[in-house]
C-alpha cells in the first residue's frame, strides 16, 4: 500500500503543477514530491534491512516479489541516507511556505521579505547530514550524534506546529464562505499529507548511515519496523496511513477539479465570445441604423394621424410606447457596441463610499421607491475606474431588483449593498432574497448573450459585462445562490495600500 501511496504523491505533484502555475500549487507540489522522496528512501532502506513481518511486508510493498526487487537495487548507503534527508528536511520548508502564503496576519505580510530566514535551519541541517560532514562530526563522540538528532527532531516538530497553527488561524478568521471552503480543502490536504510525514519522519538518516553498525541508535527502534508488533498494532498502522491517504486524495482531487473546471469554463467562455464578437459589430451597426429610421418613421406617422384627427389619446399612447422601446433598444445597442469595441479602464484610487454613492444614484433613477440597504463597517480605498465599476455594481443591483420582482415579494423584498475585507481583497457584495438561480444556470450566467429572461428586452450581456470589467480591475466575480432563497454576488477587488 505504501508503495502505491508514493506513486500517488508523484502523480499529484505533476497534476498540481499542470493545473495551475502559481506559488500556491508549487508549494503543495513541493510537499508531495519531498514526501515521496522520503518515503521512497525509507522503502528501499526497510527492504535492505529486512527483519520485518509478512504483514508489514504486504503493507509496505503489496507483495514479497516487489520487496525483493527493491532490496537488490544498486544504491550506496550514503546515497540512500541523503535521499531520505533531502525529503525529510525540505518538506517542512514547503509546508511553512504554504502556510505563510495563505496567512493574512499583518505581522507576517509586513515581514514577507524576510521569508528567506526559514531556509537557514533546514539548509544547515542538510549540510550537517551530508555523509562526509556527518561522519566527521560524529567521530567526536556519540553525544554529538545524539545532539544532532534531537535538535533536528525539535525544529521539524516546531515548523510543523507553526504551519498548522497558521492555517487554522487563517481558516477561522475567514468570514466569506467562498474563501473558507477553498482553504478548508487545502487544510485537509496539507494536514493529511503532514500526518503521513509525521508518521514516518522519525526515520533519521543517521540510522541509514550506520546501517552496518551495532549502535545504541537501533535500541530506540522505529515503531513501524518492529517485528514484534501485535496484529492490532498492524491494523492501527494501516488504518492511520489509509485514512491520511484517502482524505488527502479526496481533498486534492476536489481542489484540482474545481480549479480545472474554472479554467476550462473560462477558456470555453472566451472562445464563445471571440467567435461572435466579429459579427456582432456589423450586426449592431445595421440594427442601429434601422432603429434610427424607425424613430423618423414614427414621428411622420404621428403627424399624419394628427392631421386626420383620429383618436389623439390612442395615437399618443402608441407613439410614446414606440418611442420608449426605440430609445431602450438604442441604449442597449450602444452599450453592447461599446463593450465589443473597447474594454479599457483607467484605474485611480477611489473610496468605496464614492463608488456606492454613484451606484445607488444610478439605481434610484430607475427604481426611486425600490428598497436598498447600504452597509459598510469602515472606509476603504480601491484602484478602480469609477464609471465602469459603478456600472458593474448598478447591473448587479438591477438584477437583484428584477429577481425580487420575479419572486413577487413586494415590500418583503430586500437588497443589501455591502463592503467587507477578505484576505487580499476588498469585497463588494450585492445580496437579494429573490427567486435565486439554479445550479445548472449558475454555470451559464456569465456566458455572453445567455439570459433566462425575456430576450426582447434583455441581451444577456449584463453579468458577462460585469465579469469582464471586474477582470480588468484584476479582481474576481463570484456568485452563491439557492432557488427560492436569493443570491449573493461578490466583486472581489485587490486591496489598495496607500
Protein backbone atom coordinates (compact mmCIF):
# COMPACT_ATOMS: atom_id res chain seq x y z
CA UNK A 1 0.00 0.00 0.00
CA UNK A 2 2.81 2.43 0.90
CA UNK A 3 4.50 1.94 -2.46
CA UNK A 4 1.21 2.87 -4.15
CA UNK A 5 0.97 5.98 -1.99
CA UNK A 6 4.46 7.05 -3.13
CA UNK A 7 3.37 6.77 -6.76
CA UNK A 8 0.22 8.71 -5.92
CA UNK A 9 2.27 11.56 -4.43
CA UNK A 10 4.37 11.81 -7.58
CA UNK A 11 1.24 11.92 -9.77
CA UNK A 12 -0.38 14.56 -7.52
CA UNK A 13 2.77 16.70 -7.73
CA UNK A 14 2.60 16.65 -11.52
CA UNK A 15 -1.16 17.33 -11.62
CA UNK A 16 -0.84 20.29 -9.27
CA UNK A 17 1.87 21.88 -11.39
CA UNK A 18 -0.14 21.29 -14.57
CA UNK A 19 -3.45 22.56 -13.14
CA UNK A 20 -2.14 25.97 -12.11
CA UNK A 21 1.30 27.52 -12.27
CA UNK A 22 1.21 29.56 -9.08
CA UNK A 23 3.11 29.77 -5.80
CA UNK A 24 0.22 28.00 -4.11
CA UNK A 25 0.38 24.89 -6.29
CA UNK A 26 4.20 24.97 -6.36
CA UNK A 27 4.35 24.73 -2.56
CA UNK A 28 1.75 21.95 -2.43
CA UNK A 29 3.51 20.03 -5.19
CA UNK A 30 6.80 20.53 -3.35
CA UNK A 31 5.34 18.97 -0.21
CA UNK A 32 4.08 15.94 -2.15
CA UNK A 33 7.35 15.46 -4.00
CA UNK A 34 9.50 15.75 -0.86
CA UNK A 35 7.30 13.27 0.98
CA UNK A 36 7.52 10.90 -1.99
CA UNK A 37 11.33 11.14 -1.94
CA UNK A 38 11.48 10.44 1.80
CA UNK A 39 9.06 7.50 1.64
CA UNK A 40 10.85 6.02 -1.38
CA UNK A 41 14.14 6.16 0.52
CA UNK A 42 12.53 4.56 3.58
CA UNK A 43 11.02 1.77 1.48
CA UNK A 44 14.40 0.95 -0.02
CA UNK A 45 16.06 1.09 3.41
CA UNK A 46 13.47 -1.21 5.04
CA UNK A 47 13.75 -3.68 2.16
CA UNK A 48 17.55 -3.83 2.50
CA UNK A 49 17.49 -4.04 6.29
CA UNK A 50 14.88 -6.81 6.36
CA UNK A 51 13.64 -8.41 9.54
CA UNK A 52 10.04 -7.26 9.21
CA UNK A 53 6.95 -9.42 9.42
CA UNK A 54 4.92 -10.72 6.50
CA UNK A 55 2.07 -8.36 7.41
CA UNK A 56 4.33 -5.31 7.23
CA UNK A 57 5.91 -6.57 4.00
CA UNK A 58 2.50 -6.66 2.37
CA UNK A 59 1.61 -3.28 3.86
CA UNK A 60 4.76 -1.62 2.52
CA UNK A 61 5.28 -3.42 -0.81
CA UNK A 62 1.99 -5.22 -1.62
CA UNK A 63 3.96 -8.43 -2.25
CA UNK A 64 7.22 -10.17 -1.34
CA UNK A 65 8.25 -10.06 -5.01
CA UNK A 66 8.14 -6.24 -5.01
CA UNK A 67 10.21 -6.17 -1.80
CA UNK A 68 12.81 -8.46 -3.32
CA UNK A 69 13.20 -6.28 -6.42
CA UNK A 70 13.66 -3.17 -4.28
CA UNK A 71 16.02 -4.99 -1.90
CA UNK A 72 18.54 -5.71 -4.67
CA UNK A 73 18.58 -2.22 -6.12
CA UNK A 74 22.13 -0.91 -6.57
CA UNK A 75 22.44 2.09 -4.27
CA UNK A 76 25.07 3.08 -1.70
CA UNK A 77 24.15 3.54 1.97
CA UNK A 78 25.36 7.15 1.95
CA UNK A 79 23.27 7.92 -1.15
CA UNK A 80 20.20 6.29 0.36
CA UNK A 81 20.58 8.18 3.63
CA UNK A 82 20.92 11.52 1.90
CA UNK A 83 17.87 10.84 -0.28
CA UNK A 84 15.85 10.42 2.92
CA UNK A 85 17.49 13.56 4.34
CA UNK A 86 16.50 15.65 1.30
CA UNK A 87 12.86 14.66 1.54
CA UNK A 88 12.80 14.86 5.33
CA UNK A 89 14.27 18.35 5.65
CA UNK A 90 12.80 20.05 2.57
CA UNK A 91 9.21 19.01 3.36
CA UNK A 92 8.96 21.41 6.36
CA UNK A 93 10.19 24.27 4.16
CA UNK A 94 7.39 23.81 1.63
CA UNK A 95 4.91 23.32 4.48
CA UNK A 96 5.86 26.62 6.11
CA UNK A 97 5.90 28.41 2.73
CA UNK A 98 2.38 27.16 2.03
CA UNK A 99 1.14 28.29 5.46
CA UNK A 100 2.76 31.73 5.09
CA UNK A 101 1.28 32.08 1.60
CA UNK A 102 -2.26 31.61 2.95
CA UNK A 103 -1.80 33.62 6.15
CA UNK A 104 -3.10 37.20 6.17
CA UNK A 105 -1.72 38.12 9.61
CA UNK A 106 -0.28 41.67 9.39
CA UNK A 107 2.88 40.58 11.24
CA UNK A 108 3.58 38.03 8.51
CA UNK A 109 2.50 40.09 5.49
CA UNK A 110 4.60 43.07 6.63
CA UNK A 111 7.71 40.90 7.03
CA UNK A 112 7.27 38.71 3.98
CA UNK A 113 10.60 39.86 2.55
CA UNK A 114 12.34 38.04 5.40
CA UNK A 115 10.91 34.71 4.34
CA UNK A 116 14.42 33.54 3.46
CA UNK A 117 15.08 33.10 7.19
CA UNK A 118 13.04 29.88 7.27
CA UNK A 119 15.56 28.27 4.90
CA UNK A 120 18.53 28.67 7.26
CA UNK A 121 17.85 25.78 9.65
CA UNK A 122 16.85 23.18 7.00
CA UNK A 123 19.80 24.06 4.74
CA UNK A 124 22.22 23.89 7.67
CA UNK A 125 20.73 20.52 8.61
CA UNK A 126 21.23 19.22 5.08
CA UNK A 127 24.86 20.34 5.26
CA UNK A 128 25.31 18.62 8.64
CA UNK A 129 23.73 15.41 7.31
CA UNK A 130 25.88 15.32 4.19
CA UNK A 131 27.58 11.91 4.59
CA UNK A 132 31.19 13.12 4.81
CA UNK A 133 30.30 16.02 7.13
CA UNK A 134 28.09 13.83 9.33
CA UNK A 135 30.73 11.13 9.74
CA UNK A 136 33.32 13.75 10.61
CA UNK A 137 31.07 15.28 13.28
CA UNK A 138 30.09 12.01 14.97
CA UNK A 139 33.74 10.99 15.12
CA UNK A 140 33.94 13.33 18.13
CA UNK A 141 31.65 11.05 20.10
CA UNK A 142 28.15 9.62 20.36
CA UNK A 143 26.92 12.68 22.27
CA UNK A 144 27.37 14.79 19.14
CA UNK A 145 25.20 12.37 17.22
CA UNK A 146 22.52 12.50 19.93
CA UNK A 147 22.54 16.31 19.94
CA UNK A 148 22.22 16.48 16.13
CA UNK A 149 19.29 14.05 16.06
CA UNK A 150 17.49 15.74 18.99
CA UNK A 151 17.85 19.26 17.60
CA UNK A 152 16.69 18.08 14.18
CA UNK A 153 13.56 16.44 15.57
CA UNK A 154 12.73 19.55 17.61
CA UNK A 155 12.94 22.02 14.73
CA UNK A 156 10.91 19.73 12.44
CA UNK A 157 8.11 19.49 15.00
CA UNK A 158 8.32 23.26 15.55
CA UNK A 159 8.00 24.00 11.81
CA UNK A 160 5.03 21.64 11.50
CA UNK A 161 3.27 23.05 14.59
CA UNK A 162 3.68 26.68 13.44
CA UNK A 163 2.43 25.85 9.93
CA UNK A 164 -0.70 24.02 11.10
CA UNK A 165 -1.42 26.78 13.63
CA UNK A 166 -1.19 29.49 10.95
CA UNK A 167 -3.53 27.56 8.64
CA UNK A 168 -6.11 27.02 11.39
CA UNK A 169 -5.97 30.68 12.48
CA UNK A 170 -6.48 31.85 8.90
CA UNK A 171 -9.35 29.42 8.30
CA UNK A 172 -11.16 30.50 11.48
CA UNK A 173 -10.71 34.19 10.68
CA UNK A 174 -12.31 34.00 7.21
CA UNK A 175 -15.95 35.07 7.19
CA UNK A 176 -16.62 34.68 3.46
CA UNK A 177 -17.68 31.10 2.72
CA UNK A 178 -16.11 31.01 -0.77
CA UNK A 179 -12.62 31.57 0.64
CA UNK A 180 -13.21 29.42 3.72
CA UNK A 181 -14.41 26.47 1.64
CA UNK A 182 -11.36 26.72 -0.62
CA UNK A 183 -8.97 26.96 2.32
CA UNK A 184 -10.65 24.07 4.16
CA UNK A 185 -9.90 21.81 1.18
CA UNK A 186 -6.28 22.94 1.30
CA UNK A 187 -6.16 22.43 5.08
CA UNK A 188 -7.48 18.88 4.78
CA UNK A 189 -4.92 18.06 2.11
CA UNK A 190 -1.99 19.62 3.95
CA UNK A 191 -2.90 18.09 7.33
CA UNK A 192 -3.41 14.66 5.76
CA UNK A 193 -0.07 14.76 3.93
CA UNK A 194 1.64 16.13 7.03
CA UNK A 195 0.10 13.30 9.08
CA UNK A 196 1.79 10.75 6.83
CA UNK A 197 5.04 12.73 7.04
CA UNK A 198 4.97 12.79 10.85
CA UNK A 199 4.24 9.08 10.93
CA UNK A 200 7.42 8.20 9.02
CA UNK A 201 9.70 11.19 9.62
CA UNK A 202 11.30 9.54 12.69
CA UNK A 203 13.43 7.58 10.24
CA UNK A 204 16.62 9.53 10.80
CA UNK A 205 19.27 9.40 8.03
CA UNK A 206 21.81 8.57 10.76
CA UNK A 207 20.23 5.14 11.07
CA UNK A 208 20.87 4.58 7.36
CA UNK A 209 24.45 5.85 7.50
CA UNK A 210 25.13 3.42 10.39
CA UNK A 211 23.47 0.54 8.59
CA UNK A 212 26.26 -1.88 9.50
CA UNK A 213 26.96 -0.51 12.96
CA UNK A 214 25.86 -2.08 16.22
CA UNK A 215 24.94 1.21 17.82
CA UNK A 216 22.60 2.46 20.52
CA UNK A 217 20.55 4.09 17.84
CA UNK A 218 18.97 0.74 16.99
CA UNK A 219 17.91 0.18 20.57
CA UNK A 220 15.43 3.00 20.21
CA UNK A 221 13.94 1.29 17.19
CA UNK A 222 11.36 2.62 14.79
CA UNK A 223 7.87 1.51 15.71
CA UNK A 224 6.69 0.83 12.19
CA UNK A 225 9.65 -1.56 11.61
CA UNK A 226 9.33 -3.64 14.76
CA UNK A 227 8.93 -7.32 14.01
CA UNK A 228 7.30 -7.85 17.38
CA UNK A 229 4.29 -5.62 16.78
CA UNK A 230 0.97 -7.27 17.51
CA UNK A 231 -1.80 -7.75 14.94
CA UNK A 232 -3.88 -4.87 16.44
CA UNK A 233 -0.81 -2.62 16.10
CA UNK A 234 -0.51 -3.55 12.42
CA UNK A 235 -4.18 -2.72 11.95
CA UNK A 236 -3.75 0.70 13.61
CA UNK A 237 -0.76 1.48 11.40
CA UNK A 238 -2.63 0.52 8.25
CA UNK A 239 -5.81 2.38 9.21
CA UNK A 240 -3.90 5.55 10.13
CA UNK A 241 -1.98 5.58 6.85
CA UNK A 242 -5.06 4.71 4.81
CA UNK A 243 -7.13 7.47 6.41
CA UNK A 244 -4.45 10.07 5.72
CA UNK A 245 -4.03 8.81 2.16
CA UNK A 246 -7.77 8.67 1.37
CA UNK A 247 -8.53 12.06 2.91
CA UNK A 248 -5.56 13.62 1.13
CA UNK A 249 -6.54 12.07 -2.20
CA UNK A 250 -10.17 13.18 -1.85
CA UNK A 251 -9.40 16.78 -0.90
CA UNK A 252 -6.73 17.38 -3.54
CA UNK A 253 -8.97 15.73 -6.17
CA UNK A 254 -11.80 18.13 -5.32
CA UNK A 255 -9.44 21.10 -5.24
CA UNK A 256 -7.82 20.17 -8.56
CA UNK A 257 -11.21 19.50 -10.17
CA UNK A 258 -12.59 22.87 -9.05
CA UNK A 259 -9.51 24.70 -10.33
CA UNK A 260 -9.56 22.77 -13.61
CA UNK A 261 -13.26 23.36 -14.21
CA UNK A 262 -12.88 27.07 -13.51
CA UNK A 263 -10.03 27.29 -16.03
CA UNK A 264 -11.92 25.21 -18.58
CA UNK A 265 -15.08 27.31 -18.25
CA UNK A 266 -13.01 30.46 -18.70
CA UNK A 267 -11.46 29.11 -21.90
CA UNK A 268 -14.84 27.98 -23.28
CA UNK A 269 -16.47 31.30 -22.43
CA UNK A 270 -13.60 33.23 -24.03
CA UNK A 271 -13.88 31.18 -27.22
CA UNK A 272 -17.62 31.74 -27.36
CA UNK A 273 -17.22 35.47 -27.09
CA UNK A 274 -14.35 35.66 -29.59
CA UNK A 275 -16.40 33.70 -32.12
CA UNK A 276 -19.38 36.03 -32.01
CA UNK A 277 -17.60 39.36 -31.46
CA UNK A 278 -16.51 39.73 -35.10
CA UNK A 279 -20.07 39.56 -36.44
CA UNK A 280 -21.58 41.47 -33.55
CA UNK A 281 -20.21 44.87 -34.59
CA UNK A 282 -21.69 44.56 -38.07
CA UNK A 283 -24.99 43.34 -36.64
CA UNK A 284 -25.25 46.21 -34.16
CA UNK A 285 -24.40 48.79 -36.81
CA UNK A 286 -27.20 47.54 -39.06
CA UNK A 287 -29.79 47.36 -36.30
CA UNK A 288 -28.81 50.79 -35.03
CA UNK A 289 -29.44 52.32 -38.45
CA UNK A 290 -32.82 50.61 -38.60
CA UNK A 291 -33.82 51.95 -35.19
CA UNK A 292 -32.81 55.46 -36.19
CA UNK A 293 -35.00 55.12 -39.27
CA UNK A 294 -37.87 53.88 -37.10
CA UNK A 295 -37.56 56.98 -34.96
CA UNK A 296 -38.14 59.17 -38.03
CA UNK A 297 -40.99 56.98 -39.29
CA UNK A 298 -42.98 57.05 -36.07
CA UNK A 299 -42.75 60.89 -36.00
CA UNK A 300 -44.10 61.14 -39.56
CA UNK A 301 -46.91 58.68 -38.82
CA UNK A 302 -47.79 60.62 -35.71
CA UNK A 303 -48.02 63.87 -37.70
CA UNK A 304 -50.22 62.29 -40.38
CA UNK A 305 -52.64 60.83 -37.88
CA UNK A 306 -52.84 64.11 -36.04
CA UNK A 307 -53.81 65.87 -39.28
CA UNK A 308 -56.62 63.31 -39.90
CA UNK A 309 -57.87 63.89 -36.36
CA UNK A 310 -58.05 60.26 -35.17
CA UNK A 311 -58.13 59.33 -31.50
CA UNK A 312 -55.40 61.62 -30.22
CA UNK A 313 -55.04 59.85 -26.87
CA UNK A 314 -54.61 56.47 -28.52
CA UNK A 315 -52.06 57.77 -31.01
CA UNK A 316 -50.17 59.44 -28.20
CA UNK A 317 -50.12 56.19 -26.25
CA UNK A 318 -48.83 54.17 -29.23
CA UNK A 319 -46.23 56.70 -30.29
CA UNK A 320 -44.98 57.11 -26.74
CA UNK A 321 -44.62 53.35 -26.38
CA UNK A 322 -42.76 53.16 -29.69
CA UNK A 323 -40.52 55.98 -28.59
CA UNK A 324 -39.70 54.29 -25.29
CA UNK A 325 -38.98 50.97 -26.99
CA UNK A 326 -36.74 52.57 -29.59
CA UNK A 327 -34.79 54.50 -27.02
CA UNK A 328 -34.41 51.40 -24.90
CA UNK A 329 -33.12 49.35 -27.83
CA UNK A 330 -30.74 52.11 -28.88
CA UNK A 331 -29.26 52.34 -25.40
CA UNK A 332 -28.80 48.55 -25.34
CA UNK A 333 -27.12 48.63 -28.72
CA UNK A 334 -24.77 51.43 -27.71
CA UNK A 335 -23.84 49.58 -24.53
CA UNK A 336 -23.15 46.38 -26.44
CA UNK A 337 -21.20 48.18 -29.15
CA UNK A 338 -19.02 49.98 -26.60
CA UNK A 339 -18.28 46.72 -24.90
CA UNK A 340 -17.28 44.93 -28.12
CA UNK A 341 -15.29 47.86 -29.44
CA UNK A 342 -13.23 48.62 -26.34
CA UNK A 343 -12.83 47.46 -22.80
CA UNK A 344 -10.12 49.79 -21.48
CA UNK A 345 -10.21 51.07 -17.91
CA UNK A 346 -8.30 53.82 -16.12
CA UNK A 347 -7.55 52.85 -12.55
CA UNK A 348 -7.23 55.50 -9.84
CA UNK A 349 -7.65 55.35 -6.04
CA UNK A 350 -11.36 55.62 -5.25
CA UNK A 351 -13.19 55.30 -1.95
CA UNK A 352 -15.86 52.66 -1.52
CA UNK A 353 -18.16 55.39 -0.23
CA UNK A 354 -17.88 57.26 -3.54
CA UNK A 355 -18.50 54.09 -5.56
CA UNK A 356 -21.58 53.26 -3.51
CA UNK A 357 -22.99 56.80 -3.82
CA UNK A 358 -22.71 56.78 -7.63
CA UNK A 359 -24.10 53.25 -7.95
CA UNK A 360 -27.04 53.94 -5.65
CA UNK A 361 -27.80 57.19 -7.52
CA UNK A 362 -27.95 55.27 -10.82
CA UNK A 363 -30.19 52.64 -9.23
CA UNK A 364 -32.57 55.29 -7.78
CA UNK A 365 -33.08 56.81 -11.20
CA UNK A 366 -34.70 53.60 -12.37
CA UNK A 367 -36.27 52.45 -9.10
CA UNK A 368 -36.92 55.55 -6.93
CA UNK A 369 -39.04 53.55 -4.47
CA UNK A 370 -37.01 50.34 -4.57
CA UNK A 371 -35.76 49.14 -1.19
CA UNK A 372 -31.98 49.21 -0.93
CA UNK A 373 -29.87 48.92 2.22
CA UNK A 374 -26.23 50.05 2.15
CA UNK A 375 -23.76 48.67 4.70
CA UNK A 376 -20.03 49.03 5.23
CA UNK A 377 -18.20 48.95 8.53
CA UNK A 378 -15.17 51.06 7.59
CA UNK A 379 -13.92 53.33 4.86
CA UNK A 380 -11.81 51.55 2.23
CA UNK A 381 -9.96 52.55 -0.92
CA UNK A 382 -9.63 50.56 -4.14
CA UNK A 383 -7.98 51.11 -7.50
CA UNK A 384 -10.87 51.44 -9.91
CA UNK A 385 -12.33 53.11 -12.97
CA UNK A 386 -15.28 54.75 -11.22
CA UNK A 387 -17.55 54.78 -14.30
CA UNK A 388 -17.00 51.14 -15.19
CA UNK A 389 -17.12 49.70 -11.69
CA UNK A 390 -20.22 51.73 -10.80
CA UNK A 391 -21.88 50.41 -13.96
CA UNK A 392 -20.96 46.88 -12.83
CA UNK A 393 -22.45 47.42 -9.36
CA UNK A 394 -25.53 49.03 -10.93
CA UNK A 395 -26.03 45.96 -13.13
CA UNK A 396 -25.93 43.71 -10.08
CA UNK A 397 -28.43 45.93 -8.24
CA UNK A 398 -30.80 45.89 -11.22
CA UNK A 399 -30.52 42.10 -11.44
CA UNK A 400 -31.29 41.87 -7.71
CA UNK A 401 -34.37 44.07 -8.12
CA UNK A 402 -35.63 42.00 -11.04
CA UNK A 403 -35.07 38.80 -9.05
CA UNK A 404 -37.21 40.21 -6.24
CA UNK A 405 -39.90 41.29 -8.71
CA UNK A 406 -39.92 37.80 -10.22
CA UNK A 407 -40.40 36.37 -6.74
CA UNK A 408 -43.37 38.72 -6.16
CA UNK A 409 -42.15 39.59 -2.67
CA UNK A 410 -43.21 43.25 -2.82
CA UNK A 411 -42.43 45.01 0.48
CA UNK A 412 -40.66 41.88 1.76
CA UNK A 413 -38.06 42.15 -0.97
CA UNK A 414 -34.64 43.12 0.31
CA UNK A 415 -31.45 44.23 -1.46
CA UNK A 416 -28.26 44.84 0.50
CA UNK A 417 -25.16 46.53 -0.89
CA UNK A 418 -22.24 45.98 1.48
CA UNK A 419 -18.47 46.00 1.70
CA UNK A 420 -16.01 44.00 3.81
CA UNK A 421 -12.44 42.75 3.79
CA UNK A 422 -11.47 39.17 2.98
CA UNK A 423 -7.82 38.12 2.77
CA UNK A 424 -6.18 40.13 -0.04
CA UNK A 425 -9.45 41.56 -1.33
CA UNK A 426 -11.93 44.32 -0.69
CA UNK A 427 -15.27 42.60 -1.29
CA UNK A 428 -18.33 44.41 -2.62
CA UNK A 429 -21.41 42.27 -2.04
CA UNK A 430 -24.89 42.57 -3.52
CA UNK A 431 -27.44 40.37 -1.73
CA UNK A 432 -31.09 39.79 -2.53
CA UNK A 433 -33.85 37.47 -1.32
CA UNK A 434 -35.34 36.98 -4.79
CA UNK A 435 -36.03 33.86 -6.84
CA UNK A 436 -32.44 32.60 -6.78
CA UNK A 437 -30.52 30.80 -9.53
CA UNK A 438 -30.48 27.08 -10.17
CA UNK A 439 -27.19 25.13 -10.20
CA UNK A 440 -27.50 24.49 -13.92
CA UNK A 441 -27.96 28.20 -14.68
CA UNK A 442 -25.11 29.20 -12.34
CA UNK A 443 -22.68 27.63 -14.80
CA UNK A 444 -24.03 29.77 -17.66
CA UNK A 445 -24.92 33.15 -16.19
CA UNK A 446 -21.62 34.71 -17.33
CA UNK A 447 -21.91 33.43 -20.90
CA UNK A 448 -22.33 36.23 -23.47
CA UNK A 449 -25.87 36.51 -24.84
CA UNK A 450 -27.23 33.98 -22.37
CA UNK A 451 -30.33 35.04 -20.43
CA UNK A 452 -33.20 33.25 -18.72
CA UNK A 453 -35.29 36.43 -19.09
CA UNK A 454 -37.32 37.83 -21.96
CA UNK A 455 -34.80 38.08 -24.81
CA UNK A 456 -36.65 41.01 -26.40
CA UNK A 457 -35.62 43.23 -23.51
CA UNK A 458 -32.50 41.50 -22.21
CA UNK A 459 -29.46 40.72 -24.32
CA UNK A 460 -27.81 38.54 -21.67
CA UNK A 461 -24.72 40.75 -21.59
CA UNK A 462 -25.16 42.21 -18.09
CA UNK A 463 -23.26 39.65 -16.00
CA UNK A 464 -20.75 38.99 -18.76
CA UNK A 465 -20.07 42.73 -18.88
CA UNK A 466 -19.76 42.89 -15.07
CA UNK A 467 -17.36 39.95 -15.04
CA UNK A 468 -15.13 41.41 -17.76
CA UNK A 469 -14.99 44.79 -16.04
CA UNK A 470 -14.05 43.16 -12.73
CA UNK A 471 -11.31 41.18 -14.51
CA UNK A 472 -9.98 44.45 -15.95
CA UNK A 473 -9.67 45.60 -12.33
CA UNK A 474 -7.57 42.47 -11.56
CA UNK A 475 -10.46 41.16 -9.48
CA UNK A 476 -12.95 38.29 -9.46
CA UNK A 477 -16.72 37.96 -9.62
CA UNK A 478 -18.35 35.18 -7.60
CA UNK A 479 -21.95 34.11 -7.06
CA UNK A 480 -23.69 31.95 -4.47
CA UNK A 481 -27.39 31.29 -4.90
CA UNK A 482 -30.24 28.97 -3.97
CA UNK A 483 -33.63 28.69 -5.61
CA UNK A 484 -36.25 30.48 -3.52
CA UNK A 485 -33.72 31.97 -1.09
CA UNK A 486 -31.94 34.59 -3.18
CA UNK A 487 -28.43 35.31 -4.42
CA UNK A 488 -25.12 36.74 -3.23
CA UNK A 489 -22.85 38.37 -5.82
CA UNK A 490 -19.31 39.26 -4.76
CA UNK A 491 -16.98 41.68 -6.55
CA UNK A 492 -13.51 40.95 -5.22
CA UNK A 493 -11.07 43.82 -5.83
CA UNK A 494 -7.42 43.71 -4.72
CA UNK A 495 -6.81 45.70 -1.55
CA UNK A 496 -5.27 49.09 -2.11
CA UNK A 497 -2.46 50.14 0.22
CA UNK A 498 -1.79 53.85 0.30
